[in-house]
PDB file of N, CA and C in Angstrom:
ATOM      1  N   MET A   1      99.726 117.517 125.313  1.00  0.00           N
ATOM      2  CA  MET A   1      99.791 119.454 125.056  1.00  0.00           C
ATOM      3  C   MET A   1     100.873 119.993 124.910  1.00  0.00           C
ATOM      4  N   PRO A   2     101.093 120.831 124.152  1.00  0.00           N
ATOM      5  CA  PRO A   2     102.070 121.722 123.565  1.00  0.00           C
ATOM      6  C   PRO A   2     102.907 122.423 124.307  1.00  0.00           C
ATOM      7  N   MET A   3     103.755 122.421 124.466  1.00  0.00           N
ATOM      8  CA  MET A   3     104.356 123.441 125.218  1.00  0.00           C
ATOM      9  C   MET A   3     104.509 124.984 124.709  1.00  0.00           C
ATOM     10  N   SER A   4     104.094 125.858 125.287  1.00  0.00           N
ATOM     11  CA  SER A   4     103.992 127.489 125.277  1.00  0.00           C
ATOM     12  C   SER A   4     105.661 127.661 124.670  1.00  0.00           C
ATOM     13  N   ALA A   5     105.751 128.959 124.164  1.00  0.00           N
ATOM     14  CA  ALA A   5     107.121 129.724 123.887  1.00  0.00           C
ATOM     15  C   ALA A   5     107.619 129.987 125.315  1.00  0.00           C
ATOM     16  N   GLU A   6     106.342 130.663 126.052  1.00  0.00           N
ATOM     17  CA  GLU A   6     107.204 131.019 127.510  1.00  0.00           C
ATOM     18  C   GLU A   6     107.140 130.223 127.951  1.00  0.00           C
ATOM     19  N   THR A   7     106.873 128.879 128.180  1.00  0.00           N
ATOM     20  CA  THR A   7     107.255 127.748 128.960  1.00  0.00           C
ATOM     21  C   THR A   7     109.014 127.575 128.735  1.00  0.00           C
ATOM     22  N   LEU A   8     108.877 127.297 127.546  1.00  0.00           N
ATOM     23  CA  LEU A   8     110.027 127.009 126.925  1.00  0.00           C
ATOM     24  C   LEU A   8     111.002 127.714 127.469  1.00  0.00           C
ATOM     25  N   ARG A   9     111.131 129.094 127.454  1.00  0.00           N
ATOM     26  CA  ARG A   9     111.899 130.459 127.893  1.00  0.00           C
ATOM     27  C   ARG A   9     111.884 130.320 129.226  1.00  0.00           C
ATOM     28  N   ALA A  10     111.148 129.996 130.078  1.00  0.00           N
ATOM     29  CA  ALA A  10     111.242 130.271 131.596  1.00  0.00           C
ATOM     30  C   ALA A  10     112.086 129.041 131.786  1.00  0.00           C
ATOM     31  N   HIS A  11     112.108 127.507 130.876  1.00  0.00           N
ATOM     32  CA  HIS A  11     112.971 126.600 131.647  1.00  0.00           C
ATOM     33  C   HIS A  11     114.230 126.779 131.256  1.00  0.00           C
ATOM     34  N   ILE A  12     114.709 127.542 129.831  1.00  0.00           N
ATOM     35  CA  ILE A  12     115.519 128.107 129.582  1.00  0.00           C
ATOM     36  C   ILE A  12     116.177 128.744 130.940  1.00  0.00           C
ATOM     37  N   ALA A  13     115.478 129.834 130.894  1.00  0.00           N
ATOM     38  CA  ALA A  13     116.166 131.148 131.955  1.00  0.00           C
ATOM     39  C   ALA A  13     116.293 130.747 133.173  1.00  0.00           C
ATOM     40  N   GLU A  14     115.794 129.648 133.734  1.00  0.00           N
ATOM     41  CA  GLU A  14     115.801 129.071 134.874  1.00  0.00           C
ATOM     42  C   GLU A  14     117.520 128.561 134.897  1.00  0.00           C
ATOM     43  N   ALA A  15     117.937 127.731 134.111  1.00  0.00           N
ATOM     44  CA  ALA A  15     119.021 127.146 133.873  1.00  0.00           C
ATOM     45  C   ALA A  15     120.447 128.490 133.194  1.00  0.00           C
ATOM     46  N   PHE A  16     119.868 128.834 132.419  1.00  0.00           N
ATOM     47  CA  PHE A  16     120.527 130.038 131.801  1.00  0.00           C
ATOM     48  C   PHE A  16     120.419 131.619 132.161  1.00  0.00           C
ATOM     49  N   PRO A  17     120.203 132.096 133.926  1.00  0.00           N
ATOM     50  CA  PRO A  17     119.309 133.246 134.180  1.00  0.00           C
ATOM     51  C   PRO A  17     120.009 134.326 133.013  1.00  0.00           C
ATOM     52  N   ASP A  18     121.607 134.273 132.951  1.00  0.00           N
ATOM     53  CA  ASP A  18     122.044 135.680 132.278  1.00  0.00           C
ATOM     54  C   ASP A  18     121.755 135.405 131.116  1.00  0.00           C
ATOM     55  N   ALA A  19     121.438 134.742 130.386  1.00  0.00           N
ATOM     56  CA  ALA A  19     121.233 134.144 128.785  1.00  0.00           C
ATOM     57  C   ALA A  19     120.506 135.222 128.167  1.00  0.00           C
ATOM     58  N   ASP A  20     120.893 135.851 126.993  1.00  0.00           N
ATOM     59  CA  ASP A  20     119.434 136.475 125.953  1.00  0.00           C
ATOM     60  C   ASP A  20     119.497 135.007 125.077  1.00  0.00           C
ATOM     61  N   ILE A  21     117.708 135.112 125.368  1.00  0.00           N
ATOM     62  CA  ILE A  21     116.738 134.028 124.832  1.00  0.00           C
ATOM     63  C   ILE A  21     115.771 134.697 123.606  1.00  0.00           C
ATOM     64  N   GLN A  22     115.995 133.578 122.525  1.00  0.00           N
ATOM     65  CA  GLN A  22     115.024 133.974 121.198  1.00  0.00           C
ATOM     66  C   GLN A  22     114.377 132.942 121.438  1.00  0.00           C
ATOM     67  N   ILE A  23     112.916 132.688 121.503  1.00  0.00           N
ATOM     68  CA  ILE A  23     112.288 131.481 120.766  1.00  0.00           C
ATOM     69  C   ILE A  23     111.458 132.023 119.827  1.00  0.00           C
ATOM     70  N   VAL A  24     111.307 131.200 118.668  1.00  0.00           N
ATOM     71  CA  VAL A  24     110.289 131.436 117.107  1.00  0.00           C
ATOM     72  C   VAL A  24     109.771 129.815 116.944  1.00  0.00           C
ATOM     73  N   ASP A  25     108.275 129.909 117.111  1.00  0.00           N
ATOM     74  CA  ASP A  25     107.616 129.246 116.792  1.00  0.00           C
ATOM     75  C   ASP A  25     107.460 128.597 115.287  1.00  0.00           C
ATOM     76  N   LEU A  26     108.023 127.414 114.950  1.00  0.00           N
ATOM     77  CA  LEU A  26     108.621 127.283 113.599  1.00  0.00           C
ATOM     78  C   LEU A  26     106.844 127.052 112.815  1.00  0.00           C
ATOM     79  N   ALA A  27     106.089 126.313 113.262  1.00  0.00           N
ATOM     80  CA  ALA A  27     105.247 125.506 112.643  1.00  0.00           C
ATOM     81  C   ALA A  27     103.813 126.356 113.404  1.00  0.00           C
ATOM     82  N   GLY A  28     104.048 126.759 114.239  1.00  0.00           N
ATOM     83  CA  GLY A  28     102.586 127.667 115.292  1.00  0.00           C
ATOM     84  C   GLY A  28     101.442 126.568 116.003  1.00  0.00           C
ATOM     85  N   ASP A  29     102.514 125.762 116.057  1.00  0.00           N
ATOM     86  CA  ASP A  29     101.705 124.308 116.830  1.00  0.00           C
ATOM     87  C   ASP A  29     101.898 124.022 118.221  1.00  0.00           C
ATOM     88  N   GLY A  30     103.418 124.985 118.876  1.00  0.00           N
ATOM     89  CA  GLY A  30     103.722 124.820 119.965  1.00  0.00           C
ATOM     90  C   GLY A  30     104.533 123.432 120.028  1.00  0.00           C
ATOM     91  N   ASP A  31     104.813 123.098 119.115  1.00  0.00           N
ATOM     92  CA  ASP A  31     105.425 121.632 119.048  1.00  0.00           C
ATOM     93  C   ASP A  31     107.117 121.956 118.379  1.00  0.00           C
ATOM     94  N   HIS A  32     107.024 122.430 117.659  1.00  0.00           N
ATOM     95  CA  HIS A  32     108.120 122.801 116.769  1.00  0.00           C
ATOM     96  C   HIS A  32     109.155 124.420 117.054  1.00  0.00           C
ATOM     97  N   TYR A  33     110.068 124.592 117.587  1.00  0.00           N
ATOM     98  CA  TYR A  33     111.019 125.788 117.952  1.00  0.00           C
ATOM     99  C   TYR A  33     112.061 125.511 117.660  1.00  0.00           C
ATOM    100  N   ARG A  34     112.448 127.278 117.368  1.00  0.00           N
ATOM    101  CA  ARG A  34     114.073 127.056 117.106  1.00  0.00           C
ATOM    102  C   ARG A  34     114.271 127.998 118.080  1.00  0.00           C
ATOM    103  N   ALA A  35     115.598 127.980 119.060  1.00  0.00           N
ATOM    104  CA  ALA A  35     116.005 128.656 120.174  1.00  0.00           C
ATOM    105  C   ALA A  35     117.200 129.092 119.913  1.00  0.00           C
ATOM    106  N   ARG A  36     117.441 130.264 120.075  1.00  0.00           N
ATOM    107  CA  ARG A  36     118.789 130.663 120.157  1.00  0.00           C
ATOM    108  C   ARG A  36     118.947 131.287 121.540  1.00  0.00           C
ATOM    109  N   VAL A  37     120.302 131.300 122.362  1.00  0.00           N
ATOM    110  CA  VAL A  37     120.630 130.948 123.331  1.00  0.00           C
ATOM    111  C   VAL A  37     121.785 131.604 123.572  1.00  0.00           C
ATOM    112  N   VAL A  38     121.991 132.554 124.079  1.00  0.00           N
ATOM    113  CA  VAL A  38     123.334 133.725 124.275  1.00  0.00           C
ATOM    114  C   VAL A  38     123.699 133.802 125.654  1.00  0.00           C
ATOM    115  N   SER A  39     124.708 132.645 126.227  1.00  0.00           N
ATOM    116  CA  SER A  39     125.198 132.637 127.126  1.00  0.00           C
ATOM    117  C   SER A  39     126.518 132.609 127.580  1.00  0.00           C
ATOM    118  N   PRO A  40     127.408 133.547 128.807  1.00  0.00           N
ATOM    119  CA  PRO A  40     128.605 133.423 128.676  1.00  0.00           C
ATOM    120  C   PRO A  40     128.968 131.804 129.594  1.00  0.00           C
ATOM    121  N   ALA A  41     128.071 131.017 129.992  1.00  0.00           N
ATOM    122  CA  ALA A  41     128.165 130.325 130.668  1.00  0.00           C
ATOM    123  C   ALA A  41     128.332 128.775 129.294  1.00  0.00           C
ATOM    124  N   PHE A  42     128.670 128.935 128.329  1.00  0.00           N
ATOM    125  CA  PHE A  42     128.710 128.598 127.285  1.00  0.00           C
ATOM    126  C   PHE A  42     129.971 128.442 127.112  1.00  0.00           C
ATOM    127  N   ALA A  43     131.129 129.573 127.421  1.00  0.00           N
ATOM    128  CA  ALA A  43     132.172 129.605 127.237  1.00  0.00           C
ATOM    129  C   ALA A  43     132.840 128.116 127.954  1.00  0.00           C
ATOM    130  N   GLY A  44     133.734 127.644 126.642  1.00  0.00           N
ATOM    131  CA  GLY A  44     134.585 126.497 127.005  1.00  0.00           C
ATOM    132  C   GLY A  44     134.092 125.369 126.518  1.00  0.00           C
ATOM    133  N   MET A  45     132.687 125.438 126.161  1.00  0.00           N
ATOM    134  CA  MET A  45     131.623 124.099 125.879  1.00  0.00           C
ATOM    135  C   MET A  45     131.696 123.498 124.711  1.00  0.00           C
ATOM    136  N   ALA A  46     132.017 122.608 124.274  1.00  0.00           N
ATOM    137  CA  ALA A  46     131.884 122.227 122.547  1.00  0.00           C
ATOM    138  C   ALA A  46     130.132 122.435 122.319  1.00  0.00           C
ATOM    139  N   ARG A  47     129.852 122.122 121.312  1.00  0.00           N
ATOM    140  CA  ARG A  47     128.475 122.412 120.986  1.00  0.00           C
ATOM    141  C   ARG A  47     127.392 121.589 121.023  1.00  0.00           C
ATOM    142  N   VAL A  48     127.682 120.122 121.525  1.00  0.00           N
ATOM    143  CA  VAL A  48     127.106 119.000 121.835  1.00  0.00           C
ATOM    144  C   VAL A  48     126.883 119.329 122.910  1.00  0.00           C
ATOM    145  N   ARG A  49     127.738 119.727 123.737  1.00  0.00           N
ATOM    146  CA  ARG A  49     127.748 119.714 125.418  1.00  0.00           C
ATOM    147  C   ARG A  49     126.611 121.272 126.121  1.00  0.00           C
ATOM    148  N   ARG A  50     126.840 122.032 125.115  1.00  0.00           N
ATOM    149  CA  ARG A  50     125.733 123.215 125.233  1.00  0.00           C
ATOM    150  C   ARG A  50     124.583 122.850 124.754  1.00  0.00           C
ATOM    151  N   HIS A  51     124.085 122.057 123.580  1.00  0.00           N
ATOM    152  CA  HIS A  51     123.096 121.441 123.600  1.00  0.00           C
ATOM    153  C   HIS A  51     122.708 120.672 124.428  1.00  0.00           C
ATOM    154  N   GLN A  52     123.304 119.319 125.032  1.00  0.00           N
ATOM    155  CA  GLN A  52     122.934 118.565 126.283  1.00  0.00           C
ATOM    156  C   GLN A  52     122.513 119.717 127.371  1.00  0.00           C
ATOM    157  N   ALA A  53     122.988 120.754 127.578  1.00  0.00           N
ATOM    158  CA  ALA A  53     122.523 121.601 128.628  1.00  0.00           C
ATOM    159  C   ALA A  53     121.733 121.892 128.645  1.00  0.00           C
ATOM    160  N   VAL A  54     121.267 122.472 127.461  1.00  0.00           N
ATOM    161  CA  VAL A  54     119.974 123.147 126.902  1.00  0.00           C
ATOM    162  C   VAL A  54     118.543 122.002 127.363  1.00  0.00           C
ATOM    163  N   TYR A  55     118.845 120.750 126.648  1.00  0.00           N
ATOM    164  CA  TYR A  55     118.010 120.241 126.585  1.00  0.00           C
ATOM    165  C   TYR A  55     117.764 119.559 128.290  1.00  0.00           C
ATOM    166  N   ALA A  56     118.786 119.749 129.022  1.00  0.00           N
ATOM    167  CA  ALA A  56     118.609 119.347 130.330  1.00  0.00           C
ATOM    168  C   ALA A  56     117.820 120.296 130.852  1.00  0.00           C
ATOM    169  N   ALA A  57     117.633 121.646 130.791  1.00  0.00           N
ATOM    170  CA  ALA A  57     116.930 122.496 131.547  1.00  0.00           C
ATOM    171  C   ALA A  57     115.273 122.062 131.143  1.00  0.00           C
ATOM    172  N   LEU A  58     115.339 121.510 130.043  1.00  0.00           N
ATOM    173  CA  LEU A  58     113.876 121.315 129.532  1.00  0.00           C
ATOM    174  C   LEU A  58     113.290 120.176 130.825  1.00  0.00           C
ATOM    175  N   LYS A  59     113.645 119.365 131.664  1.00  0.00           N
ATOM    176  CA  LYS A  59     113.414 118.482 132.567  1.00  0.00           C
ATOM    177  C   LYS A  59     112.441 117.364 132.214  1.00  0.00           C
ATOM    178  N   GLY A  60     113.202 116.625 130.840  1.00  0.00           N
ATOM    179  CA  GLY A  60     112.465 115.730 130.437  1.00  0.00           C
ATOM    180  C   GLY A  60     111.336 115.881 129.467  1.00  0.00           C
ATOM    181  N   GLN A  61     111.046 116.660 129.042  1.00  0.00           N
ATOM    182  CA  GLN A  61     110.407 116.806 128.256  1.00  0.00           C
ATOM    183  C   GLN A  61     110.076 117.168 126.873  1.00  0.00           C
ATOM    184  N   MET A  62     111.562 116.847 126.425  1.00  0.00           N
ATOM    185  CA  MET A  62     111.970 117.231 125.023  1.00  0.00           C
ATOM    186  C   MET A  62     111.543 115.698 124.609  1.00  0.00           C
ATOM    187  N   GLY A  63     110.967 115.672 123.261  1.00  0.00           N
ATOM    188  CA  GLY A  63     110.118 114.130 123.152  1.00  0.00           C
ATOM    189  C   GLY A  63     108.863 114.120 123.339  1.00  0.00           C
ATOM    190  N   GLY A  64     108.287 114.931 124.726  1.00  0.00           N
ATOM    191  CA  GLY A  64     107.064 114.963 124.859  1.00  0.00           C
ATOM    192  C   GLY A  64     106.014 115.818 124.154  1.00  0.00           C
ATOM    193  N   GLU A  65     106.226 117.137 125.753  1.00  0.00           N
ATOM    194  CA  GLU A  65     105.185 118.393 125.019  1.00  0.00           C
ATOM    195  C   GLU A  65     106.217 119.036 124.483  1.00  0.00           C
ATOM    196  N   LEU A  66     107.586 118.539 124.230  1.00  0.00           N
ATOM    197  CA  LEU A  66     108.333 119.386 123.156  1.00  0.00           C
ATOM    198  C   LEU A  66     108.688 118.716 121.957  1.00  0.00           C
ATOM    199  N   HIS A  67     108.182 118.777 120.579  1.00  0.00           N
ATOM    200  CA  HIS A  67     108.633 117.667 119.773  1.00  0.00           C
ATOM    201  C   HIS A  67     109.881 117.821 119.022  1.00  0.00           C
ATOM    202  N   ALA A  68     110.072 119.181 118.723  1.00  0.00           N
ATOM    203  CA  ALA A  68     111.444 119.332 118.185  1.00  0.00           C
ATOM    204  C   ALA A  68     112.096 120.688 118.328  1.00  0.00           C
ATOM    205  N   LEU A  69     113.227 120.736 118.827  1.00  0.00           N
ATOM    206  CA  LEU A  69     113.860 122.163 119.065  1.00  0.00           C
ATOM    207  C   LEU A  69     115.198 122.108 118.188  1.00  0.00           C
ATOM    208  N   ALA A  70     115.128 123.218 117.411  1.00  0.00           N
ATOM    209  CA  ALA A  70     116.204 123.721 116.728  1.00  0.00           C
ATOM    210  C   ALA A  70     117.530 124.705 117.802  1.00  0.00           C
ATOM    211  N   LEU A  71     118.456 124.211 117.993  1.00  0.00           N
ATOM    212  CA  LEU A  71     119.405 125.189 118.867  1.00  0.00           C
ATOM    213  C   LEU A  71     120.735 125.848 118.194  1.00  0.00           C
ATOM    214  N   GLU A  72     120.480 126.721 118.652  1.00  0.00           N
ATOM    215  CA  GLU A  72     122.130 127.545 118.596  1.00  0.00           C
ATOM    216  C   GLU A  72     122.115 128.215 119.684  1.00  0.00           C
ATOM    217  N   THR A  73     124.001 128.080 120.210  1.00  0.00           N
ATOM    218  CA  THR A  73     123.690 128.038 121.268  1.00  0.00           C
ATOM    219  C   THR A  73     125.435 128.921 121.129  1.00  0.00           C
ATOM    220  N   LEU A  74     125.400 130.045 121.579  1.00  0.00           N
ATOM    221  CA  LEU A  74     126.683 130.963 121.406  1.00  0.00           C
ATOM    222  C   LEU A  74     126.917 131.693 122.856  1.00  0.00           C
ATOM    223  N   THR A  75     127.945 132.083 122.451  1.00  0.00           N
ATOM    224  CA  THR A  75     128.567 132.683 123.889  1.00  0.00           C
ATOM    225  C   THR A  75     128.445 134.484 123.434  1.00  0.00           C
ATOM    226  N   PRO A  76     128.562 135.371 124.543  1.00  0.00           N
ATOM    227  CA  PRO A  76     128.725 137.063 123.871  1.00  0.00           C
ATOM    228  C   PRO A  76     129.641 137.219 122.961  1.00  0.00           C
ATOM    229  N   GLU A  77     130.864 136.300 122.992  1.00  0.00           N
ATOM    230  CA  GLU A  77     131.773 137.031 121.957  1.00  0.00           C
ATOM    231  C   GLU A  77     131.790 136.295 121.064  1.00  0.00           C
ATOM    232  N   GLU A  78     130.852 135.178 120.907  1.00  0.00           N
ATOM    233  CA  GLU A  78     130.425 134.770 119.341  1.00  0.00           C
ATOM    234  C   GLU A  78     129.435 135.329 118.584  1.00  0.00           C
ATOM    235  N   VAL A  79     128.789 136.027 119.453  1.00  0.00           N
ATOM    236  CA  VAL A  79     127.841 136.875 118.735  1.00  0.00           C
ATOM    237  C   VAL A  79     128.164 137.641 117.629  1.00  0.00           C
TER     238      VAL A  79
END
């Protein structure tokens, strides 16, 4: 069963409560999303580590309920 945009947002918001999160369903199938996550928690982190932190927030659902996620992770200063 695909993951809804609301569920995806909730998982990310739980891990990054101060984040500005934008979710776009790329294919309209609930399986391919683009997420832009802006959080001060990313300060000092390399891009790969930022993405790993977001994937960790998805609690193992990447590759299962969620097939593809294009990520943009920024600090507020980088916006």
